[in-house]
């Protein structure tokens, strides 16, 4: 098997390719290291969250009992969607992972325990600024669970209502708060219309399922109108962890956030690898070169091997059916579409950062995951200083600020003084 930076030329000889993102070791040693970047630069978080207020859906659709609603129980407040118990409230212990034994961290609580900075836009900006973060790309919390609800009608309507709410939230300061819409792609034409509506609302991108149902995989040409709309509008699409789509045509598994094996949390990159491979091999990026699709909160370490497998499958494996197609450019490799059309948002992957040259520094962007329990808040600068050690200074700057700023159109001011160690409150 050849490494992904090599391919076979027309004669069968091995040709080594030097990608723009790959810097030879000798050259890297001459470049200033990450050092003070995290203290001298405003950070941009490419993956943060809000915590939805309990009345987000009930006040906007008071008669819709199937939409998300909150029920108070003995161990906390719990969201129910279409009769299914889903999650309790996140945002009850931001920063506490640094101070407490993990066994004492909780997975349920009440909305009264949620920090106001998780749902009030002014307080949100202030809390993140104390953590060194100038701008945030904002995803939902309970909204992620909507993808696991099998009813197309319920999911689409709940997402539409959320999109109106998050657009209003971000209107407090659209230069610093970039909301990500949720779009259900069960019905591609309707999804394209909702994407266009969300763009008009000022939202900066859209979240789609990381694992579509088997009858509508991302290699399906039925989704081309949706991809075309996203490309036309310049709306990046995100494949966030924990957004597997429950099949509306099948009996869904029961969601149980209180009982999940630890193996679940170390294999989450399986779905995103499948989704990205389908997009690349089926020619979606070739047909829609302006489309940007990202992996969010799956971390990075898996990507170099994934890229090598993309290229090896394309160059060395025999075709197995009509879906094995060649790109119009005979010299282009699948891994090159990843670098031109994909981005990778991570939280705390020092191992993956050591492989950044193999991934493509231009694709990488950090996110704090605020205000979730596993967030780097309020110690994001300290965490980044540790995991960026050894990277060239210009690469570190792109990863913690410039790449996300370019993709989501932030205008980041200079940081006028070195940032102090955070004194932001935990809750």
Foldseek 3Di string as FASTA:
>chain_A
DDALQWAAPPVRDIDGHDDPLFDDPVVLVVFAFQPQLLQFFQFEAAEAEAEDDQCLPCVVPVVPPQAWHWDADPQEIFIHHHNATAFATFQLFFPCVVPDDVVPDDRHHYPVSHDVLRPQLVSVCVLVVLLRHQAYEYDYDVLLCLLLDLDPVRSQVNQLSVLVVLLVRCVVPVLHYAYAGEFECPPQVVRLVSVVVSVVSVHQAYEYELAEDPVCALLDPSNLSNQQSCLVSLHAYEHEFSNHHAHNVDDGDHHDPPDDDPVCVLPRCPSNLRRLLSCLLSCVCVVRVSYAYEYAANAAPCQSVSSRVQQCCLRPNDDDDDSRDAHPPNPDGSLVCCQRHYAYEYEQDLVRLVCCSSNGLLRAAYHQHPPGHPGCPNQRSVRLVVSSGSGRNVSSNNHRHVSSCVSRVHDTDTDPGGNDGRPRDRD
